[in-house]
Every structure is written in C-alpha cells, then in structure tokens.
Amino acid sequence: MGGRPDRRVLPIAAISFTYSASFSTFWVYVGIYAVEGLHWPASRVGLLFLASAPAAAVANYLSGRVSDRIGRKPLIFWSFLASAANLALLAWLGGTRAVAFGLIILQGVIGAPAFSLDRVLVADVVDVADREPGFATVRVATNLGALVGPPLGALLVYAGGWNAFLLGIAALGIAGAILTAALLSETRPAPQDRPGSLRQVARDTPFALLLVSTLLAFTDYCGFETVLPVIAVSVYGLAPSTWGLLFVISPALVVLCQLRLTRATSRISPGPRLAGATLLMGLPFLLLLVSTSVGVIAAVIALFIVGEMVWMPTSQAVAAELAPVETRGTYFGALAAMTGPAWTLAPFIAFQLKTHAGVRSVWLFFAAIAIAAAFAGAGAISAATRRRPSRPPRRRCRSRRGG
C-alpha cells in the first residue's frame, strides 16, 4: 500500500476500519432501506437527510468537547455499543414510521464519537513530524472498510432481508466495541484551566479560517459524492451500474496511493499544498463543461480523489498543530462538525442551480467553492505562521494503558 504504517496508529486504524465497514455502510444504504424496507416516499427520505446532518454535526462537536474531560476511549467504546443497540432496536421497531425516523437520526448522534475521535487519537499519540502519515494510514483503513462494507451489506440484504442487514451491522458494531476495549490506549486528558468552547475556537483566527476552508472543501466533496452521480445518471444518461464501477475508483486510489502520495507531497510547504489540494477538488468539475463522456467523468473522479488524498491529512495535521493540547478534542469536534452544513446545503444549492440556471452552473459553483477554500486554507496557515513565535511551547500528551 505504499509504506509501513506507524505501529502507534495501527490500533486506531483497526477501529476506523471497523466503523467504516459497519456504521458507515448503514449510511450508504439508509436511503434505499427507507424506500425499499420501510416503504417511505422520497419526500420523507429527503427530510430524513435534512434532519440527520445537523444533529450529527452538533454531536461531532460535543463528542470532541466531552472527550477533553473524560478521554477518548470510553466515548468510542460506548458509541459502538449504543449504535449497535440502536440498530437492533430499529430492526425490532422499524415498522412504526415515527419511531424509525427518530432512531435513524439518533444513529448519527450516538455514532459521532466512533466516527470522529479517531483523528483526535492520532494527534494524541503521534509526534508532530509523523502526524500526516498517521492520518493517511487511518484514511487507508477507512477506505478499506468502504470497500468491504457495502458488498457485505448487499450480501446480508440478499440472504436475509433488511433485518438481517441491520443485525449484521449491529454485530460488527459490537466487534468494534471489543476492539476498542482491547486495543486502544487511553490518552490522559491534559489539565484544563477551563473547558474549551465554540467561542474559543471561533476567536482563534487561524483555526477559524481552517474551519471555513474545511466547510468549503467538504461542500466540494458532497458535490462529488451526492450531486455528480445524480446528474451523471439523470442528465448525462450514465447507467447506475456504470456509476457504481466508476465510484470504485475512489476507495481503490486511496488504498493504493494514499501513503505514497502523502510521502511524495511532504516536501511541499503546508500552505501551497493545502491550497493546491482544494483547487484540485473543485476545478476538475469544469471538464464537464467540455465533455460528459464516461472517460471524462472518470478523469474528474480521479483528479478529485488525488486532491482529496492530499487535502485530508494536510488539513488534519494543520488542525492538530493549531489546537491547544488541553482542548484538542473541542477543536477537532468543531472541525468534524463542518460536515453537517456541507451535507445539508451542497445538494440543496446544487440542485436549485440545476433547476433554475442549468447543469453548467452547478460545476461553476463547485469550482468557485474550491477557489474560496484554497484562499481560506492558505490564509489559515499564513495567520498561524505569523503568530507562531509568540505561542508558548506545547505540552506533550502522556499515554497510559487501560481506561
């Protein structure tokens, strides 16, 4: 896969793989489950996604903040168990529409610690110089889970129906809790004069700019994952099965190239690297103004993924450097919360543009978002560089077994 992973990151990677293969797979199928398994109309499914994203965003932030007080490991452990119990409850009570709607939204809330705290753990246990490869290793594990999980989910649905799917994912969640208890070393929370807050994060100018850049970059990510397939199938005439094959480019490239690309681009300073990566996540959409052939769509996907592979570990390493040790969870929680507004707004804005201004305006929109993300990311690193000499030295985070 392009390199030998840091042994300190391997337990975290195991947790990330298990989450991706289990509960991330649930979110891949949840729309289909709602329509085929619960017989909901499309309008109710749209409302479900609209309600889920903000709730999960708030939970991601609170997970990080609470982890600064009690540690990461207990939250991840109970997140796996509670999520598994919730899916088992959904299999039992899913016939009631209101109950099913509430349980699905609750899944995004109680699953937030298992989803978001792996990045904080990497920052806790890995030295500054090794953080980008550490984040890259976790991304490889997550994408391996994305390769394994959906086919497993399809097999469960085929063999036993939707209840078998839900219970199978729940069983994987229990396995995640066992792995968390057995493998993770608890990081001792750093002493706090006062707990971190969203106001503190917002007043930290470099980090606030990084949040803006992250929000915009995730908006382009939603353009790739939710908007592009809809337009490719409904407007460009691409067969759904063909899109499925094209989408495999994403996890395959990450698994094969993430560590290699992270190592190759490490010589580039963070500012230009972050800006170039976000540009590569949006500007390739402009190719669709010239041609909409399968080959061009595949090229757009490949270029986007290259940009994303550079952007993700770089932005996370910058976040780890900017976040104070004692409130690192709060800072990373705010970073993870940026996914919520992106998932809520990006499809809405894009499809409104498609309806009122045509498909070409959608790709111009995502290209403009990429340019804004590049400026915000470069501004974050520039502001951090200007203030760095005046910042006190950071305390190293101690680790201990158990917890």
Protein backbone atom coordinates (compact mmCIF):
# COMPACT_ATOMS: atom_id res chain seq x y z
CA MET A 1 0.00 0.00 0.00
CA GLY A 2 2.97 2.32 -0.29
CA GLY A 3 4.69 2.23 3.08
CA ARG A 4 4.94 0.70 6.53
CA PRO A 5 2.35 2.23 8.89
CA ASP A 6 3.30 3.66 12.26
CA ARG A 7 2.67 0.95 14.88
CA ARG A 8 1.17 3.55 17.22
CA VAL A 9 -1.57 4.22 14.65
CA LEU A 10 -2.48 0.58 13.89
CA PRO A 11 -4.98 0.17 16.79
CA ILE A 12 -6.69 3.41 15.73
CA ALA A 13 -6.74 2.19 12.12
CA ALA A 14 -8.43 -1.04 13.26
CA ILE A 15 -11.18 1.00 14.92
CA SER A 16 -11.58 3.20 11.83
CA PHE A 17 -11.81 0.15 9.57
CA THR A 18 -14.48 -1.43 11.76
CA TYR A 19 -16.56 1.73 11.90
CA SER A 20 -16.33 2.20 8.14
CA ALA A 21 -17.27 -1.41 7.41
CA SER A 22 -20.22 -1.26 9.81
CA PHE A 23 -21.98 2.00 10.57
CA SER A 24 -20.70 3.89 7.52
CA THR A 25 -22.20 1.07 5.45
CA PHE A 26 -25.52 1.70 7.18
CA TRP A 27 -25.47 5.30 5.93
CA VAL A 28 -24.65 4.12 2.41
CA TYR A 29 -27.82 2.02 2.40
CA VAL A 30 -30.12 4.08 4.60
CA GLY A 31 -31.91 5.82 1.72
CA ILE A 32 -32.53 2.51 -0.04
CA TYR A 33 -33.62 0.93 3.26
CA ALA A 34 -36.09 3.76 3.84
CA VAL A 35 -37.65 3.35 0.39
CA GLU A 36 -37.49 -0.42 -0.07
CA GLY A 37 -37.58 -1.64 3.53
CA LEU A 38 -39.82 0.94 5.19
CA HIS A 39 -41.78 1.94 2.06
CA TRP A 40 -41.30 5.65 2.64
CA PRO A 41 -41.97 8.24 -0.08
CA ALA A 42 -38.99 10.16 -1.46
CA SER A 43 -40.10 13.33 0.34
CA ARG A 44 -39.74 11.65 3.74
CA VAL A 45 -36.27 10.36 2.80
CA GLY A 46 -35.19 13.89 1.87
CA LEU A 47 -36.48 15.18 5.20
CA LEU A 48 -34.59 12.40 6.97
CA PHE A 49 -31.27 13.50 5.47
CA LEU A 50 -32.08 17.15 6.15
CA ALA A 51 -32.66 16.37 9.84
CA SER A 52 -29.77 13.91 10.25
CA ALA A 53 -26.89 16.09 9.12
CA PRO A 54 -27.28 19.00 11.61
CA ALA A 55 -27.93 16.62 14.52
CA ALA A 56 -24.79 14.64 13.69
CA ALA A 57 -22.75 17.84 13.30
CA VAL A 58 -23.68 19.01 16.79
CA ALA A 59 -22.91 15.53 18.17
CA ASN A 60 -19.48 15.54 16.49
CA TYR A 61 -18.59 18.81 18.18
CA LEU A 62 -19.88 17.70 21.58
CA SER A 63 -18.02 14.38 21.29
CA GLY A 64 -14.74 16.20 20.96
CA ARG A 65 -15.52 18.60 23.79
CA VAL A 66 -16.57 15.85 26.22
CA SER A 67 -13.52 13.76 25.28
CA ASP A 68 -11.29 16.58 26.58
CA ARG A 69 -12.78 15.93 30.01
CA ILE A 70 -13.14 12.14 30.23
CA GLY A 71 -10.85 10.82 27.49
CA ARG A 72 -11.45 9.39 24.00
CA LYS A 73 -11.63 5.65 24.65
CA PRO A 74 -14.79 5.49 26.84
CA LEU A 75 -16.74 7.58 24.34
CA ILE A 76 -15.70 5.43 21.38
CA PHE A 77 -16.47 2.19 23.28
CA TRP A 78 -19.97 3.27 24.31
CA SER A 79 -20.61 4.79 20.90
CA PHE A 80 -20.06 1.41 19.25
CA LEU A 81 -22.28 -0.38 21.79
CA ALA A 82 -25.08 2.20 21.75
CA SER A 83 -25.07 2.31 17.94
CA ALA A 84 -25.32 -1.49 17.77
CA ALA A 85 -28.22 -1.49 20.24
CA ASN A 86 -29.94 1.27 18.28
CA LEU A 87 -29.80 -0.71 15.03
CA ALA A 88 -31.12 -3.80 16.80
CA LEU A 89 -33.98 -1.65 18.09
CA LEU A 90 -34.58 -0.36 14.56
CA ALA A 91 -34.85 -3.95 13.30
CA TRP A 92 -37.44 -4.62 16.02
CA LEU A 93 -39.50 -1.41 15.89
CA GLY A 94 -38.79 -0.17 12.38
CA GLY A 95 -42.35 -0.84 11.24
CA THR A 96 -43.50 2.29 13.06
CA ARG A 97 -42.59 5.24 10.83
CA ALA A 98 -42.17 7.85 13.55
CA VAL A 99 -40.01 5.51 15.66
CA ALA A 100 -37.86 4.52 12.67
CA PHE A 101 -37.38 8.18 11.71
CA GLY A 102 -36.22 9.03 15.23
CA LEU A 103 -33.92 6.02 15.55
CA ILE A 104 -32.16 6.77 12.26
CA ILE A 105 -31.50 10.37 13.32
CA LEU A 106 -30.36 9.08 16.72
CA GLN A 107 -27.89 6.78 14.95
CA GLY A 108 -25.98 9.79 13.63
CA VAL A 109 -25.87 11.30 17.12
CA ILE A 110 -24.72 8.31 19.16
CA GLY A 111 -22.32 7.17 16.43
CA ALA A 112 -20.50 10.52 16.41
CA PRO A 113 -17.67 9.59 18.84
CA ALA A 114 -16.73 6.42 16.92
CA PHE A 115 -16.84 8.42 13.69
CA SER A 116 -14.86 11.49 14.70
CA LEU A 117 -12.48 10.76 17.60
CA ASP A 118 -10.03 8.56 15.66
CA ARG A 119 -8.40 11.72 14.26
CA VAL A 120 -8.02 13.17 17.74
CA LEU A 121 -6.36 9.93 18.87
CA VAL A 122 -3.81 10.18 16.07
CA ALA A 123 -2.93 13.71 17.19
CA ASP A 124 -2.69 12.45 20.79
CA VAL A 125 -0.28 9.57 20.21
CA VAL A 126 1.85 10.60 17.21
CA ASP A 127 4.64 13.18 17.17
CA VAL A 128 4.21 16.31 15.04
CA ALA A 129 6.57 15.12 12.30
CA ASP A 130 4.69 11.83 11.85
CA ARG A 131 1.11 13.08 12.01
CA GLU A 132 0.41 13.36 8.29
CA PRO A 133 1.44 9.74 7.60
CA GLY A 134 -0.62 8.77 10.67
CA PHE A 135 -3.73 10.50 9.36
CA ALA A 136 -3.07 8.98 5.95
CA THR A 137 -2.89 5.48 7.47
CA VAL A 138 -6.28 5.97 9.12
CA ARG A 139 -7.70 7.10 5.76
CA VAL A 140 -6.43 3.91 4.12
CA ALA A 141 -8.12 1.85 6.82
CA THR A 142 -11.37 3.80 6.42
CA ASN A 143 -11.38 3.23 2.66
CA LEU A 144 -10.61 -0.45 3.09
CA GLY A 145 -13.74 -0.57 5.22
CA ALA A 146 -15.61 1.24 2.43
CA LEU A 147 -14.50 -1.49 0.02
CA VAL A 148 -15.55 -4.33 2.33
CA GLY A 149 -18.71 -2.93 3.95
CA PRO A 150 -21.14 -2.25 1.06
CA PRO A 151 -20.67 -5.68 -0.60
CA LEU A 152 -21.17 -7.29 2.82
CA GLY A 153 -24.30 -5.20 3.30
CA ALA A 154 -25.60 -6.30 -0.09
CA LEU A 155 -24.97 -9.93 0.83
CA LEU A 156 -26.88 -9.53 4.11
CA VAL A 157 -29.85 -7.93 2.35
CA TYR A 158 -29.84 -10.61 -0.35
CA ALA A 159 -29.56 -13.51 2.10
CA GLY A 160 -31.86 -12.37 4.90
CA GLY A 161 -33.56 -9.08 4.09
CA TRP A 162 -33.31 -5.74 5.83
CA ASN A 163 -33.49 -7.09 9.38
CA ALA A 164 -30.50 -9.32 8.65
CA PHE A 165 -28.70 -6.24 7.32
CA LEU A 166 -29.41 -4.21 10.46
CA LEU A 167 -28.49 -7.02 12.85
CA GLY A 168 -25.33 -7.84 10.89
CA ILE A 169 -24.19 -4.21 11.08
CA ALA A 170 -25.04 -4.23 14.80
CA ALA A 171 -22.84 -7.32 15.27
CA LEU A 172 -19.95 -5.52 13.60
CA GLY A 173 -20.55 -2.63 15.99
CA ILE A 174 -20.18 -4.97 18.96
CA ALA A 175 -16.92 -6.17 17.41
CA GLY A 176 -15.83 -2.53 17.24
CA ALA A 177 -16.52 -2.10 20.96
CA ILE A 178 -14.47 -5.22 21.75
CA LEU A 179 -11.58 -3.97 19.61
CA THR A 180 -11.75 -0.58 21.31
CA ALA A 181 -11.55 -2.16 24.76
CA ALA A 182 -8.71 -4.49 23.76
CA LEU A 183 -6.53 -2.33 21.53
CA LEU A 184 -6.84 1.34 22.38
CA SER A 185 -4.59 3.01 24.92
CA GLU A 186 -6.39 5.75 26.75
CA THR A 187 -4.79 9.18 26.46
CA ARG A 188 -4.89 11.05 29.74
CA PRO A 189 -6.76 14.36 29.25
CA ALA A 190 -4.45 17.34 29.70
CA PRO A 191 -5.20 19.53 32.74
CA GLN A 192 -7.64 22.33 31.91
CA ASP A 193 -7.92 25.74 33.48
CA ARG A 194 -11.37 25.91 31.90
CA PRO A 195 -13.16 23.72 29.35
CA GLY A 196 -12.87 24.52 25.69
CA SER A 197 -15.79 26.20 23.96
CA LEU A 198 -17.01 27.02 20.48
CA ARG A 199 -16.42 30.69 21.24
CA GLN A 200 -12.75 29.96 21.96
CA VAL A 201 -12.45 28.10 18.65
CA ALA A 202 -14.17 30.90 16.72
CA ARG A 203 -11.84 33.51 18.22
CA ASP A 204 -8.76 31.55 17.15
CA THR A 205 -8.29 33.26 13.77
CA PRO A 206 -6.07 30.66 12.06
CA PHE A 207 -8.30 27.79 13.16
CA ALA A 208 -11.48 29.69 12.24
CA LEU A 209 -10.07 30.14 8.73
CA LEU A 210 -9.24 26.44 8.64
CA LEU A 211 -12.87 25.70 9.61
CA VAL A 212 -14.08 27.83 6.70
CA SER A 213 -11.69 26.06 4.33
CA THR A 214 -12.85 22.67 5.64
CA LEU A 215 -16.52 23.57 5.23
CA LEU A 216 -15.93 24.66 1.64
CA ALA A 217 -13.80 21.61 0.82
CA PHE A 218 -16.48 19.30 2.23
CA THR A 219 -19.01 21.14 0.06
CA ASP A 220 -17.00 20.06 -2.98
CA TYR A 221 -16.77 16.56 -1.51
CA CYS A 222 -20.58 16.46 -1.37
CA GLY A 223 -20.58 17.61 -4.98
CA PHE A 224 -18.58 14.55 -5.88
CA GLU A 225 -20.44 12.03 -3.72
CA THR A 226 -24.07 13.19 -3.96
CA VAL A 227 -24.51 15.66 -6.84
CA LEU A 228 -22.27 14.18 -9.56
CA PRO A 229 -23.89 10.71 -9.55
CA VAL A 230 -27.41 12.16 -9.74
CA ILE A 231 -26.56 14.42 -12.67
CA ALA A 232 -24.45 11.75 -14.39
CA VAL A 233 -27.37 9.30 -14.32
CA SER A 234 -30.35 11.63 -14.80
CA VAL A 235 -28.86 14.16 -17.26
CA TYR A 236 -25.85 12.55 -18.93
CA GLY A 237 -27.52 9.16 -19.36
CA LEU A 238 -24.98 7.15 -17.40
CA ALA A 239 -26.27 3.75 -16.27
CA PRO A 240 -26.41 3.35 -12.46
CA SER A 241 -24.23 0.24 -12.72
CA THR A 242 -21.62 2.24 -14.65
CA TRP A 243 -21.55 4.86 -11.90
CA GLY A 244 -21.05 2.07 -9.37
CA LEU A 245 -17.97 0.94 -11.25
CA LEU A 246 -16.66 4.50 -11.56
CA PHE A 247 -17.16 5.14 -7.84
CA VAL A 248 -14.81 2.26 -7.00
CA ILE A 249 -12.02 4.50 -8.34
CA SER A 250 -12.26 6.48 -5.10
CA PRO A 251 -11.51 3.86 -2.41
CA ALA A 252 -9.17 1.96 -4.72
CA LEU A 253 -6.98 5.02 -5.31
CA VAL A 254 -6.92 5.84 -1.61
CA VAL A 255 -5.91 2.31 -0.63
CA LEU A 256 -3.19 2.06 -3.29
CA CYS A 257 -1.86 5.63 -3.38
CA GLN A 258 -2.64 7.48 -0.13
CA LEU A 259 0.60 6.69 1.73
CA ARG A 260 2.71 7.14 -1.42
CA LEU A 261 1.13 10.49 -2.24
CA THR A 262 1.39 11.75 1.34
CA ARG A 263 5.09 10.92 1.35
CA ALA A 264 5.68 12.45 -2.11
CA THR A 265 3.96 15.75 -1.29
CA SER A 266 5.50 16.17 2.16
CA ARG A 267 8.29 18.28 0.63
CA ILE A 268 5.76 20.97 -0.33
CA SER A 269 5.06 23.52 2.40
CA PRO A 270 1.61 23.22 4.00
CA GLY A 271 0.14 26.46 2.62
CA PRO A 272 0.60 25.76 -1.10
CA ARG A 273 -0.13 22.07 -0.53
CA LEU A 274 -3.47 22.75 1.16
CA ALA A 275 -4.47 25.37 -1.40
CA GLY A 276 -3.48 23.19 -4.36
CA ALA A 277 -5.32 20.19 -2.94
CA THR A 278 -8.60 22.08 -2.50
CA LEU A 279 -8.30 23.53 -6.01
CA LEU A 280 -7.88 20.01 -7.36
CA MET A 281 -11.09 19.00 -5.57
CA GLY A 282 -13.18 21.59 -7.44
CA LEU A 283 -11.60 22.78 -10.67
CA PRO A 284 -11.77 19.36 -12.44
CA PHE A 285 -15.58 19.72 -12.46
CA LEU A 286 -15.02 22.31 -15.20
CA LEU A 287 -14.02 19.47 -17.53
CA LEU A 288 -17.70 18.54 -17.60
CA LEU A 289 -18.38 21.83 -19.39
CA VAL A 290 -16.36 20.45 -22.31
CA SER A 291 -17.38 16.78 -22.36
CA THR A 292 -19.63 14.44 -20.39
CA SER A 293 -18.25 11.15 -21.68
CA VAL A 294 -17.52 8.25 -19.35
CA GLY A 295 -13.79 8.84 -19.77
CA VAL A 296 -14.06 12.49 -18.74
CA ILE A 297 -16.23 11.64 -15.73
CA ALA A 298 -13.62 9.05 -14.70
CA ALA A 299 -10.88 11.67 -15.07
CA VAL A 300 -12.86 14.13 -12.91
CA ILE A 301 -13.21 11.46 -10.21
CA ALA A 302 -9.51 10.56 -10.32
CA LEU A 303 -8.33 14.19 -10.15
CA PHE A 304 -10.77 14.92 -7.33
CA ILE A 305 -9.53 11.94 -5.31
CA VAL A 306 -5.90 12.98 -5.77
CA GLY A 307 -6.79 16.40 -4.37
CA GLU A 308 -8.76 14.85 -1.52
CA MET A 309 -5.88 12.49 -0.64
CA VAL A 310 -3.58 15.49 -0.22
CA TRP A 311 -6.17 17.72 1.45
CA MET A 312 -7.41 15.40 4.20
CA PRO A 313 -4.15 14.52 6.04
CA THR A 314 -2.72 18.00 5.45
CA SER A 315 -5.73 19.80 6.94
CA GLN A 316 -5.87 17.38 9.88
CA ALA A 317 -2.16 17.82 10.59
CA VAL A 318 -2.58 21.61 10.48
CA ALA A 319 -5.56 21.30 12.84
CA ALA A 320 -3.51 19.20 15.27
CA GLU A 321 -0.75 21.80 15.22
CA LEU A 322 -3.13 24.70 15.82
CA ALA A 323 -5.26 23.07 18.52
CA PRO A 324 -4.09 23.50 22.15
CA VAL A 325 -3.39 20.13 23.74
CA GLU A 326 -5.85 20.62 26.58
CA THR A 327 -8.76 21.42 24.20
CA ARG A 328 -7.74 19.33 21.20
CA GLY A 329 -10.98 17.35 21.26
CA THR A 330 -13.06 20.54 21.19
CA TYR A 331 -11.10 21.85 18.21
CA PHE A 332 -11.33 18.60 16.27
CA GLY A 333 -15.00 18.33 17.19
CA ALA A 334 -15.61 21.70 15.58
CA LEU A 335 -13.68 20.52 12.53
CA ALA A 336 -15.79 17.35 12.25
CA ALA A 337 -18.96 19.41 12.65
CA MET A 338 -18.25 21.15 9.34
CA THR A 339 -19.52 18.06 7.52
CA GLY A 340 -23.09 18.74 8.67
CA PRO A 341 -23.67 22.11 6.95
CA ALA A 342 -21.88 20.83 3.84
CA TRP A 343 -24.08 17.74 3.52
CA THR A 344 -27.19 19.84 4.16
CA LEU A 345 -26.51 22.80 1.88
CA ALA A 346 -24.42 21.48 -1.01
CA PRO A 347 -27.07 19.23 -2.61
CA PHE A 348 -29.81 21.80 -1.99
CA ILE A 349 -27.87 24.66 -3.62
CA ALA A 350 -26.57 22.49 -6.47
CA PHE A 351 -29.97 21.13 -7.46
CA GLN A 352 -31.56 24.56 -7.19
CA LEU A 353 -28.90 25.84 -9.59
CA LYS A 354 -29.54 22.89 -11.90
CA THR A 355 -33.25 23.66 -11.97
CA HIS A 356 -33.06 27.43 -12.45
CA ALA A 357 -29.72 28.02 -14.22
CA GLY A 358 -28.81 24.72 -15.87
CA VAL A 359 -26.30 21.97 -15.20
CA ARG A 360 -23.30 24.06 -16.26
CA SER A 361 -23.90 26.46 -13.37
CA VAL A 362 -23.51 23.56 -10.90
CA TRP A 363 -19.93 22.86 -11.99
CA LEU A 364 -19.09 26.57 -11.99
CA PHE A 365 -20.42 26.73 -8.43
CA PHE A 366 -18.19 23.90 -7.20
CA ALA A 367 -15.16 25.38 -8.97
CA ALA A 368 -15.78 28.73 -7.25
CA ILE A 369 -16.13 26.96 -3.90
CA ALA A 370 -12.72 25.31 -4.46
CA ILE A 371 -11.08 28.68 -5.09
CA ALA A 372 -12.60 30.11 -1.91
CA ALA A 373 -11.45 27.02 0.05
CA ALA A 374 -7.90 27.47 -1.26
CA PHE A 375 -7.79 31.11 -0.15
CA ALA A 376 -9.19 30.27 3.30
CA GLY A 377 -6.76 27.38 3.81
CA ALA A 378 -3.75 29.45 2.74
CA GLY A 379 -4.95 32.26 4.98
CA ALA A 380 -5.18 29.90 7.96
CA ILE A 381 -1.60 28.74 7.58
CA SER A 382 -0.34 32.28 6.93
CA ALA A 383 -2.06 33.54 10.10
CA ALA A 384 -0.67 30.60 12.08
CA THR A 385 2.84 31.33 10.83
CA ARG A 386 2.62 34.97 11.88
CA ARG A 387 1.55 34.13 15.43
CA ARG A 388 3.77 31.04 15.96
CA PRO A 389 6.78 32.77 17.59
CA SER A 390 4.58 34.18 20.35
CA ARG A 391 2.86 30.91 21.23
CA PRO A 392 4.05 29.05 24.31
CA PRO A 393 5.55 25.58 23.79
CA ARG A 394 3.05 22.74 23.80
CA ARG A 395 2.96 20.06 26.45
CA ARG A 396 3.38 16.50 25.26
CA CYS A 397 0.31 14.32 25.86
CA ARG A 398 1.10 11.35 28.06
CA SER A 399 -0.38 7.92 27.41
CA ARG A 400 -1.18 5.03 29.66
CA ARG A 401 -2.64 1.58 29.12
CA GLY A 402 -6.11 0.69 30.30
CA GLY A 403 -9.08 3.01 30.79
